[in-house]
Amino acid sequence: DTGLMVLTRAVKRIRVTRTQALLSREERLANMRGAFAPAKMNLNDKRVVLVDDVLTTGATTNECASACLKAGAAAVCVWTLARALGSPSN
């Protein structure tokens, strides 16, 4: 046992967003802005790790991290399995 707590619902999507695949960096950032909110759980003084499969612009993880901080997290780290090379463009 690692003693780590796994939360799969620490943040919730509060509005529908467009698919990110064909959006430019600026469009991705705008698309995700305000899309997530903290779930009704106390993250006060907790250190949070967000796990993402692919990081392209960081728009989604940035918004999720902001939601965790709003819920009281002391720190948020992001662990990513893959990083997309190049910048998204139309």
PDB file of N, CA and C in Angstrom:
ATOM      1  N   ASP A   1       0.844  -1.182   0.000  1.00  0.00           N
ATOM      2  CA  ASP A   1       0.000   0.000   0.000  1.00  0.00           C
ATOM      3  C   ASP A   1       0.889   1.245   0.000  1.00  0.00           C
ATOM      4  N   THR A   2       0.643   2.142  -0.929  1.00  0.00           N
ATOM      5  CA  THR A   2       1.449   3.363  -1.054  1.00  0.00           C
ATOM      6  C   THR A   2       0.997   4.465  -0.111  1.00  0.00           C
ATOM      7  N   GLY A   3      -0.220   4.348   0.392  1.00  0.00           N
ATOM      8  CA  GLY A   3      -0.754   5.412   1.224  1.00  0.00           C
ATOM      9  C   GLY A   3      -1.297   6.582   0.419  1.00  0.00           C
ATOM     10  N   LEU A   4      -1.229   6.459  -0.902  1.00  0.00           N
ATOM     11  CA  LEU A   4      -1.742   7.522  -1.765  1.00  0.00           C
ATOM     12  C   LEU A   4      -3.237   7.349  -1.981  1.00  0.00           C
ATOM     13  N   MET A   5      -3.945   8.455  -2.037  1.00  0.00           N
ATOM     14  CA  MET A   5      -5.368   8.430  -2.310  1.00  0.00           C
ATOM     15  C   MET A   5      -5.571   8.769  -3.788  1.00  0.00           C
ATOM     16  N   VAL A   6      -6.351   7.967  -4.493  1.00  0.00           N
ATOM     17  CA  VAL A   6      -6.639   8.216  -5.900  1.00  0.00           C
ATOM     18  C   VAL A   6      -8.053   8.768  -6.008  1.00  0.00           C
ATOM     19  N   LEU A   7      -8.150   9.963  -6.569  1.00  0.00           N
ATOM     20  CA  LEU A   7      -9.446  10.607  -6.772  1.00  0.00           C
ATOM     21  C   LEU A   7      -9.663  10.768  -8.270  1.00  0.00           C
ATOM     22  N   THR A   8     -10.725  10.214  -8.763  1.00  0.00           N
ATOM     23  CA  THR A   8     -10.993  10.323 -10.199  1.00  0.00           C
ATOM     24  C   THR A   8     -11.993  11.426 -10.513  1.00  0.00           C
ATOM     25  N   ARG A   9     -12.499  12.081  -9.489  1.00  0.00           N
ATOM     26  CA  ARG A   9     -13.499  13.123  -9.708  1.00  0.00           C
ATOM     27  C   ARG A   9     -13.199  14.387  -8.896  1.00  0.00           C
ATOM     28  N   ALA A  10     -11.944  14.768  -8.816  1.00  0.00           N
ATOM     29  CA  ALA A  10     -11.570  15.956  -8.047  1.00  0.00           C
ATOM     30  C   ALA A  10     -11.995  17.239  -8.750  1.00  0.00           C
ATOM     31  N   VAL A  11     -12.104  17.168 -10.071  1.00  0.00           N
ATOM     32  CA  VAL A  11     -12.606  18.305 -10.844  1.00  0.00           C
ATOM     33  C   VAL A  11     -13.744  17.812 -11.725  1.00  0.00           C
ATOM     34  N   LYS A  12     -14.623  18.731 -12.085  1.00  0.00           N
ATOM     35  CA  LYS A  12     -15.738  18.363 -12.957  1.00  0.00           C
ATOM     36  C   LYS A  12     -15.843  19.370 -14.091  1.00  0.00           C
ATOM     37  N   ARG A  13     -16.234  18.868 -15.242  1.00  0.00           N
ATOM     38  CA  ARG A  13     -16.464  19.736 -16.399  1.00  0.00           C
ATOM     39  C   ARG A  13     -17.785  20.455 -16.158  1.00  0.00           C
ATOM     40  N   ILE A  14     -17.777  21.774 -16.294  1.00  0.00           N
ATOM     41  CA  ILE A  14     -18.996  22.531 -16.025  1.00  0.00           C
ATOM     42  C   ILE A  14     -19.610  23.130 -17.288  1.00  0.00           C
ATOM     43  N   ARG A  15     -18.927  22.939 -18.411  1.00  0.00           N
ATOM     44  CA  ARG A  15     -19.529  23.353 -19.673  1.00  0.00           C
ATOM     45  C   ARG A  15     -18.969  22.509 -20.813  1.00  0.00           C
ATOM     46  N   VAL A  16     -19.761  22.397 -21.852  1.00  0.00           N
ATOM     47  CA  VAL A  16     -19.369  21.630 -23.031  1.00  0.00           C
ATOM     48  C   VAL A  16     -18.304  22.419 -23.793  1.00  0.00           C
ATOM     49  N   THR A  17     -17.296  21.708 -24.284  1.00  0.00           N
ATOM     50  CA  THR A  17     -16.234  22.347 -25.064  1.00  0.00           C
ATOM     51  C   THR A  17     -16.129  21.682 -26.428  1.00  0.00           C
ATOM     52  N   ARG A  18     -15.502  22.385 -27.347  1.00  0.00           N
ATOM     53  CA  ARG A  18     -15.267  21.827 -28.681  1.00  0.00           C
ATOM     54  C   ARG A  18     -14.143  20.800 -28.616  1.00  0.00           C
ATOM     55  N   THR A  19     -14.096  19.902 -29.581  1.00  0.00           N
ATOM     56  CA  THR A  19     -12.984  18.968 -29.706  1.00  0.00           C
ATOM     57  C   THR A  19     -11.715  19.767 -29.966  1.00  0.00           C
ATOM     58  N   GLN A  20     -10.640  19.416 -29.280  1.00  0.00           N
ATOM     59  CA  GLN A  20      -9.400  20.185 -29.345  1.00  0.00           C
ATOM     60  C   GLN A  20      -8.539  19.879 -30.574  1.00  0.00           C
ATOM     61  N   ALA A  21      -8.723  18.723 -31.185  1.00  0.00           N
ATOM     62  CA  ALA A  21      -7.786  18.197 -32.188  1.00  0.00           C
ATOM     63  C   ALA A  21      -7.399  19.184 -33.288  1.00  0.00           C
ATOM     64  N   LEU A  22      -8.328  19.931 -33.818  1.00  0.00           N
ATOM     65  CA  LEU A  22      -8.014  20.808 -34.949  1.00  0.00           C
ATOM     66  C   LEU A  22      -7.884  22.277 -34.562  1.00  0.00           C
ATOM     67  N   LEU A  23      -7.834  22.559 -33.266  1.00  0.00           N
ATOM     68  CA  LEU A  23      -7.770  23.943 -32.814  1.00  0.00           C
ATOM     69  C   LEU A  23      -6.323  24.415 -32.676  1.00  0.00           C
ATOM     70  N   SER A  24      -6.106  25.705 -32.906  1.00  0.00           N
ATOM     71  CA  SER A  24      -4.787  26.303 -32.691  1.00  0.00           C
ATOM     72  C   SER A  24      -4.542  26.425 -31.186  1.00  0.00           C
ATOM     73  N   ARG A  25      -3.332  26.782 -30.821  1.00  0.00           N
ATOM     74  CA  ARG A  25      -2.996  26.951 -29.403  1.00  0.00           C
ATOM     75  C   ARG A  25      -3.923  27.960 -28.736  1.00  0.00           C
ATOM     76  N   GLU A  26      -4.106  29.106 -29.357  1.00  0.00           N
ATOM     77  CA  GLU A  26      -4.952  30.153 -28.777  1.00  0.00           C
ATOM     78  C   GLU A  26      -6.396  29.684 -28.652  1.00  0.00           C
ATOM     79  N   GLU A  27      -6.872  28.962 -29.664  1.00  0.00           N
ATOM     80  CA  GLU A  27      -8.243  28.444 -29.624  1.00  0.00           C
ATOM     81  C   GLU A  27      -8.404  27.391 -28.529  1.00  0.00           C
ATOM     82  N   ARG A  28      -7.383  26.563 -28.340  1.00  0.00           N
ATOM     83  CA  ARG A  28      -7.431  25.548 -27.283  1.00  0.00           C
ATOM     84  C   ARG A  28      -7.492  26.198 -25.906  1.00  0.00           C
ATOM     85  N   LEU A  29      -6.669  27.208 -25.697  1.00  0.00           N
ATOM     86  CA  LEU A  29      -6.668  27.897 -24.404  1.00  0.00           C
ATOM     87  C   LEU A  29      -8.028  28.531 -24.128  1.00  0.00           C
ATOM     88  N   ALA A  30      -8.589  29.196 -25.138  1.00  0.00           N
ATOM     89  CA  ALA A  30      -9.901  29.831 -24.979  1.00  0.00           C
ATOM     90  C   ALA A  30     -10.997  28.782 -24.789  1.00  0.00           C
ATOM     91  N   ASN A  31     -10.894  27.681 -25.506  1.00  0.00           N
ATOM     92  CA  ASN A  31     -11.890  26.613 -25.443  1.00  0.00           C
ATOM     93  C   ASN A  31     -11.978  26.003 -24.043  1.00  0.00           C
ATOM     94  N   MET A  32     -10.848  25.855 -23.367  1.00  0.00           N
ATOM     95  CA  MET A  32     -10.820  25.221 -22.049  1.00  0.00           C
ATOM     96  C   MET A  32     -11.017  26.201 -20.899  1.00  0.00           C
ATOM     97  N   ARG A  33     -10.852  27.500 -21.172  1.00  0.00           N
ATOM     98  CA  ARG A  33     -10.943  28.500 -20.104  1.00  0.00           C
ATOM     99  C   ARG A  33     -12.290  28.404 -19.388  1.00  0.00           C
ATOM    100  N   GLY A  34     -12.243  28.162 -18.090  1.00  0.00           N
ATOM    101  CA  GLY A  34     -13.459  28.088 -17.287  1.00  0.00           C
ATOM    102  C   GLY A  34     -14.288  26.837 -17.500  1.00  0.00           C
ATOM    103  N   ALA A  35     -13.719  25.810 -18.137  1.00  0.00           N
ATOM    104  CA  ALA A  35     -14.483  24.597 -18.440  1.00  0.00           C
ATOM    105  C   ALA A  35     -14.565  23.632 -17.261  1.00  0.00           C
ATOM    106  N   PHE A  36     -13.716  23.822 -16.243  1.00  0.00           N
ATOM    107  CA  PHE A  36     -13.681  22.906 -15.108  1.00  0.00           C
ATOM    108  C   PHE A  36     -13.841  23.664 -13.798  1.00  0.00           C
ATOM    109  N   ALA A  37     -14.399  22.980 -12.821  1.00  0.00           N
ATOM    110  CA  ALA A  37     -14.555  23.540 -11.478  1.00  0.00           C
ATOM    111  C   ALA A  37     -14.190  22.451 -10.477  1.00  0.00           C
ATOM    112  N   PRO A  38     -13.811  22.858  -9.268  1.00  0.00           N
ATOM    113  CA  PRO A  38     -13.522  21.840  -8.256  1.00  0.00           C
ATOM    114  C   PRO A  38     -14.793  21.080  -7.895  1.00  0.00           C
ATOM    115  N   ALA A  39     -14.658  19.781  -7.706  1.00  0.00           N
ATOM    116  CA  ALA A  39     -15.785  18.978  -7.230  1.00  0.00           C
ATOM    117  C   ALA A  39     -15.988  19.294  -5.753  1.00  0.00           C
ATOM    118  N   LYS A  40     -17.059  18.810  -5.205  1.00  0.00           N
ATOM    119  CA  LYS A  40     -17.345  19.089  -3.796  1.00  0.00           C
ATOM    120  C   LYS A  40     -16.512  18.181  -2.902  1.00  0.00           C
ATOM    121  N   MET A  41     -15.224  18.438  -2.883  1.00  0.00           N
ATOM    122  CA  MET A  41     -14.343  17.700  -1.985  1.00  0.00           C
ATOM    123  C   MET A  41     -13.276  18.652  -1.478  1.00  0.00           C
ATOM    124  N   ASN A  42     -12.790  18.354  -0.323  1.00  0.00           N
ATOM    125  CA  ASN A  42     -11.814  19.209   0.330  1.00  0.00           C
ATOM    126  C   ASN A  42     -10.402  18.783  -0.063  1.00  0.00           C
ATOM    127  N   LEU A  43      -9.708  19.648  -0.773  1.00  0.00           N
ATOM    128  CA  LEU A  43      -8.315  19.380  -1.125  1.00  0.00           C
ATOM    129  C   LEU A  43      -7.363  20.247  -0.302  1.00  0.00           C
ATOM    130  N   ASN A  44      -7.880  20.844   0.776  1.00  0.00           N
ATOM    131  CA  ASN A  44      -7.068  21.750   1.592  1.00  0.00           C
ATOM    132  C   ASN A  44      -5.733  21.127   1.973  1.00  0.00           C
ATOM    133  N   ASP A  45      -4.674  21.852   1.625  1.00  0.00           N
ATOM    134  CA  ASP A  45      -3.299  21.485   1.966  1.00  0.00           C
ATOM    135  C   ASP A  45      -2.843  20.144   1.390  1.00  0.00           C
ATOM    136  N   LYS A  46      -3.556  19.623   0.407  1.00  0.00           N
ATOM    137  CA  LYS A  46      -3.156  18.368  -0.234  1.00  0.00           C
ATOM    138  C   LYS A  46      -2.244  18.666  -1.417  1.00  0.00           C
ATOM    139  N   ARG A  47      -1.330  17.755  -1.684  1.00  0.00           N
ATOM    140  CA  ARG A  47      -0.507  17.818  -2.888  1.00  0.00           C
ATOM    141  C   ARG A  47      -1.175  16.928  -3.923  1.00  0.00           C
ATOM    142  N   VAL A  48      -1.491  17.500  -5.068  1.00  0.00           N
ATOM    143  CA  VAL A  48      -2.273  16.814  -6.098  1.00  0.00           C
ATOM    144  C   VAL A  48      -1.391  16.516  -7.302  1.00  0.00           C
ATOM    145  N   VAL A  49      -1.567  15.325  -7.859  1.00  0.00           N
ATOM    146  CA  VAL A  49      -0.916  14.958  -9.113  1.00  0.00           C
ATOM    147  C   VAL A  49      -2.014  14.709 -10.139  1.00  0.00           C
ATOM    148  N   LEU A  50      -1.972  15.450 -11.238  1.00  0.00           N
ATOM    149  CA  LEU A  50      -2.882  15.214 -12.357  1.00  0.00           C
ATOM    150  C   LEU A  50      -2.153  14.332 -13.362  1.00  0.00           C
ATOM    151  N   VAL A  51      -2.834  13.323 -13.883  1.00  0.00           N
ATOM    152  CA  VAL A  51      -2.243  12.428 -14.873  1.00  0.00           C
ATOM    153  C   VAL A  51      -2.954  12.663 -16.197  1.00  0.00           C
ATOM    154  N   ASP A  52      -2.165  12.937 -17.233  1.00  0.00           N
ATOM    155  CA  ASP A  52      -2.708  13.210 -18.563  1.00  0.00           C
ATOM    156  C   ASP A  52      -2.037  12.275 -19.560  1.00  0.00           C
ATOM    157  N   ASP A  53      -2.804  11.783 -20.526  1.00  0.00           N
ATOM    158  CA  ASP A  53      -2.216  10.868 -21.503  1.00  0.00           C
ATOM    159  C   ASP A  53      -1.297  11.599 -22.477  1.00  0.00           C
ATOM    160  N   VAL A  54      -1.778  12.696 -23.071  1.00  0.00           N
ATOM    161  CA  VAL A  54      -0.974  13.457 -24.032  1.00  0.00           C
ATOM    162  C   VAL A  54      -1.090  14.944 -23.713  1.00  0.00           C
ATOM    163  N   LEU A  55       0.043  15.600 -23.596  1.00  0.00           N
ATOM    164  CA  LEU A  55       0.064  17.044 -23.363  1.00  0.00           C
ATOM    165  C   LEU A  55       0.426  17.729 -24.672  1.00  0.00           C
ATOM    166  N   THR A  56      -0.450  18.598 -25.137  1.00  0.00           N
ATOM    167  CA  THR A  56      -0.179  19.339 -26.366  1.00  0.00           C
ATOM    168  C   THR A  56       0.115  20.790 -26.011  1.00  0.00           C
ATOM    169  N   THR A  57      -0.907  21.535 -25.621  1.00  0.00           N
ATOM    170  CA  THR A  57      -0.697  22.931 -25.219  1.00  0.00           C
ATOM    171  C   THR A  57      -0.740  23.106 -23.710  1.00  0.00           C
ATOM    172  N   GLY A  58      -1.283  22.120 -23.007  1.00  0.00           N
ATOM    173  CA  GLY A  58      -1.444  22.230 -21.565  1.00  0.00           C
ATOM    174  C   GLY A  58      -2.726  22.938 -21.167  1.00  0.00           C
ATOM    175  N   ALA A  59      -3.580  23.248 -22.125  1.00  0.00           N
ATOM    176  CA  ALA A  59      -4.812  23.989 -21.837  1.00  0.00           C
ATOM    177  C   ALA A  59      -5.709  23.242 -20.853  1.00  0.00           C
ATOM    178  N   THR A  60      -5.911  21.956 -21.076  1.00  0.00           N
ATOM    179  CA  THR A  60      -6.794  21.177 -20.208  1.00  0.00           C
ATOM    180  C   THR A  60      -6.183  20.998 -18.825  1.00  0.00           C
ATOM    181  N   THR A  61      -4.915  20.601 -18.768  1.00  0.00           N
ATOM    182  CA  THR A  61      -4.284  20.384 -17.463  1.00  0.00           C
ATOM    183  C   THR A  61      -4.169  21.686 -16.677  1.00  0.00           C
ATOM    184  N   ASN A  62      -3.943  22.790 -17.362  1.00  0.00           N
ATOM    185  CA  ASN A  62      -3.864  24.082 -16.684  1.00  0.00           C
ATOM    186  C   ASN A  62      -5.192  24.428 -16.018  1.00  0.00           C
ATOM    187  N   GLU A  63      -6.281  24.221 -16.728  1.00  0.00           N
ATOM    188  CA  GLU A  63      -7.602  24.519 -16.164  1.00  0.00           C
ATOM    189  C   GLU A  63      -7.949  23.562 -15.026  1.00  0.00           C
ATOM    190  N   CYS A  64      -7.581  22.290 -15.161  1.00  0.00           N
ATOM    191  CA  CYS A  64      -7.823  21.326 -14.079  1.00  0.00           C
ATOM    192  C   CYS A  64      -6.984  21.668 -12.854  1.00  0.00           C
ATOM    193  N   ALA A  65      -5.740  22.072 -13.066  1.00  0.00           N
ATOM    194  CA  ALA A  65      -4.876  22.472 -11.955  1.00  0.00           C
ATOM    195  C   ALA A  65      -5.454  23.691 -11.244  1.00  0.00           C
ATOM    196  N   SER A  66      -5.957  24.639 -11.999  1.00  0.00           N
ATOM    197  CA  SER A  66      -6.580  25.826 -11.398  1.00  0.00           C
ATOM    198  C   SER A  66      -7.772  25.436 -10.532  1.00  0.00           C
ATOM    199  N   ALA A  67      -8.571  24.478 -10.999  1.00  0.00           N
ATOM    200  CA  ALA A  67      -9.725  24.020 -10.221  1.00  0.00           C
ATOM    201  C   ALA A  67      -9.273  23.365  -8.917  1.00  0.00           C
ATOM    202  N   CYS A  68      -8.196  22.586  -8.964  1.00  0.00           N
ATOM    203  CA  CYS A  68      -7.670  21.952  -7.742  1.00  0.00           C
ATOM    204  C   CYS A  68      -7.170  23.003  -6.755  1.00  0.00           C
ATOM    205  N   LEU A  69      -6.493  24.013  -7.258  1.00  0.00           N
ATOM    206  CA  LEU A  69      -6.005  25.087  -6.386  1.00  0.00           C
ATOM    207  C   LEU A  69      -7.167  25.846  -5.762  1.00  0.00           C
ATOM    208  N   LYS A  70      -8.233  26.053  -6.521  1.00  0.00           N
ATOM    209  CA  LYS A  70      -9.428  26.711  -5.975  1.00  0.00           C
ATOM    210  C   LYS A  70     -10.068  25.872  -4.875  1.00  0.00           C
ATOM    211  N   ALA A  71      -9.882  24.545  -4.953  1.00  0.00           N
ATOM    212  CA  ALA A  71     -10.434  23.642  -3.937  1.00  0.00           C
ATOM    213  C   ALA A  71      -9.512  23.529  -2.728  1.00  0.00           C
ATOM    214  N   GLY A  72      -8.413  24.299  -2.725  1.00  0.00           N
ATOM    215  CA  GLY A  72      -7.541  24.344  -1.560  1.00  0.00           C
ATOM    216  C   GLY A  72      -6.251  23.562  -1.654  1.00  0.00           C
ATOM    217  N   ALA A  73      -5.968  22.949  -2.808  1.00  0.00           N
ATOM    218  CA  ALA A  73      -4.731  22.173  -2.945  1.00  0.00           C
ATOM    219  C   ALA A  73      -3.518  23.058  -2.666  1.00  0.00           C
ATOM    220  N   ALA A  74      -2.545  22.495  -1.958  1.00  0.00           N
ATOM    221  CA  ALA A  74      -1.315  23.230  -1.654  1.00  0.00           C
ATOM    222  C   ALA A  74      -0.408  23.299  -2.873  1.00  0.00           C
ATOM    223  N   ALA A  75      -0.429  22.250  -3.693  1.00  0.00           N
ATOM    224  CA  ALA A  75       0.413  22.195  -4.888  1.00  0.00           C
ATOM    225  C   ALA A  75      -0.212  21.232  -5.886  1.00  0.00           C
ATOM    226  N   VAL A  76       0.047  21.479  -7.158  1.00  0.00           N
ATOM    227  CA  VAL A  76      -0.445  20.601  -8.217  1.00  0.00           C
ATOM    228  C   VAL A  76       0.707  20.306  -9.169  1.00  0.00           C
ATOM    229  N   CYS A  77       0.939  19.028  -9.431  1.00  0.00           N
ATOM    230  CA  CYS A  77       1.934  18.586 -10.409  1.00  0.00           C
ATOM    231  C   CYS A  77       1.199  17.850 -11.517  1.00  0.00           C
ATOM    232  N   VAL A  78       1.786  17.848 -12.699  1.00  0.00           N
ATOM    233  CA  VAL A  78       1.193  17.130 -13.824  1.00  0.00           C
ATOM    234  C   VAL A  78       2.168  16.061 -14.283  1.00  0.00           C
ATOM    235  N   TRP A  79       1.682  14.831 -14.376  1.00  0.00           N
ATOM    236  CA  TRP A  79       2.452  13.731 -14.939  1.00  0.00           C
ATOM    237  C   TRP A  79       1.828  13.407 -16.286  1.00  0.00           C
ATOM    238  N   THR A  80       2.643  13.395 -17.321  1.00  0.00           N
ATOM    239  CA  THR A  80       2.156  13.169 -18.678  1.00  0.00           C
ATOM    240  C   THR A  80       2.859  11.968 -19.292  1.00  0.00           C
ATOM    241  N   LEU A  81       2.100  11.150 -19.992  1.00  0.00           N
ATOM    242  CA  LEU A  81       2.671   9.971 -20.635  1.00  0.00           C
ATOM    243  C   LEU A  81       3.366  10.314 -21.948  1.00  0.00           C
ATOM    244  N   ALA A  82       2.840  11.306 -22.680  1.00  0.00           N
ATOM    245  CA  ALA A  82       3.428  11.685 -23.969  1.00  0.00           C
ATOM    246  C   ALA A  82       3.264  13.179 -24.183  1.00  0.00           C
ATOM    247  N   ARG A  83       4.195  13.756 -24.908  1.00  0.00           N
ATOM    248  CA  ARG A  83       4.155  15.182 -25.240  1.00  0.00           C
ATOM    249  C   ARG A  83       4.054  15.295 -26.749  1.00  0.00           C
ATOM    250  N   ALA A  84       3.041  16.015 -27.232  1.00  0.00           N
ATOM    251  CA  ALA A  84       2.893  16.236 -28.670  1.00  0.00           C
ATOM    252  C   ALA A  84       3.961  17.219 -29.129  1.00  0.00           C
ATOM    253  N   LEU A  85       4.638  16.902 -30.214  1.00  0.00           N
ATOM    254  CA  LEU A  85       5.674  17.782 -30.743  1.00  0.00           C
ATOM    255  C   LEU A  85       5.074  18.776 -31.721  1.00  0.00           C
ATOM    256  N   GLY A  86       5.669  19.942 -31.797  1.00  0.00           N
ATOM    257  CA  GLY A  86       5.150  20.974 -32.686  1.00  0.00           C
ATOM    258  C   GLY A  86       3.965  21.655 -32.052  1.00  0.00           C
ATOM    259  N   SER A  87       3.504  22.696 -32.683  1.00  0.00           N
ATOM    260  CA  SER A  87       2.357  23.409 -32.135  1.00  0.00           C
ATOM    261  C   SER A  87       1.136  23.140 -32.991  1.00  0.00           C
ATOM    262  N   PRO A  88      -0.032  23.021 -32.358  1.00  0.00           N
ATOM    263  CA  PRO A  88      -1.250  22.806 -33.128  1.00  0.00           C
ATOM    264  C   PRO A  88      -1.571  24.049 -33.944  1.00  0.00           C
ATOM    265  N   SER A  89      -2.000  23.845 -35.155  1.00  0.00           N
ATOM    266  CA  SER A  89      -2.384  24.981 -35.992  1.00  0.00           C
ATOM    267  C   SER A  89      -3.460  24.546 -36.958  1.00  0.00           C
ATOM    268  N   ASN A  90      -4.113  25.522 -37.539  1.00  0.00           N
ATOM    269  CA  ASN A  90      -5.140  25.240 -38.545  1.00  0.00           C
ATOM    270  C   ASN A  90      -4.579  25.472 -39.910  1.00  0.00           C
TER     271      ASN A  90
END
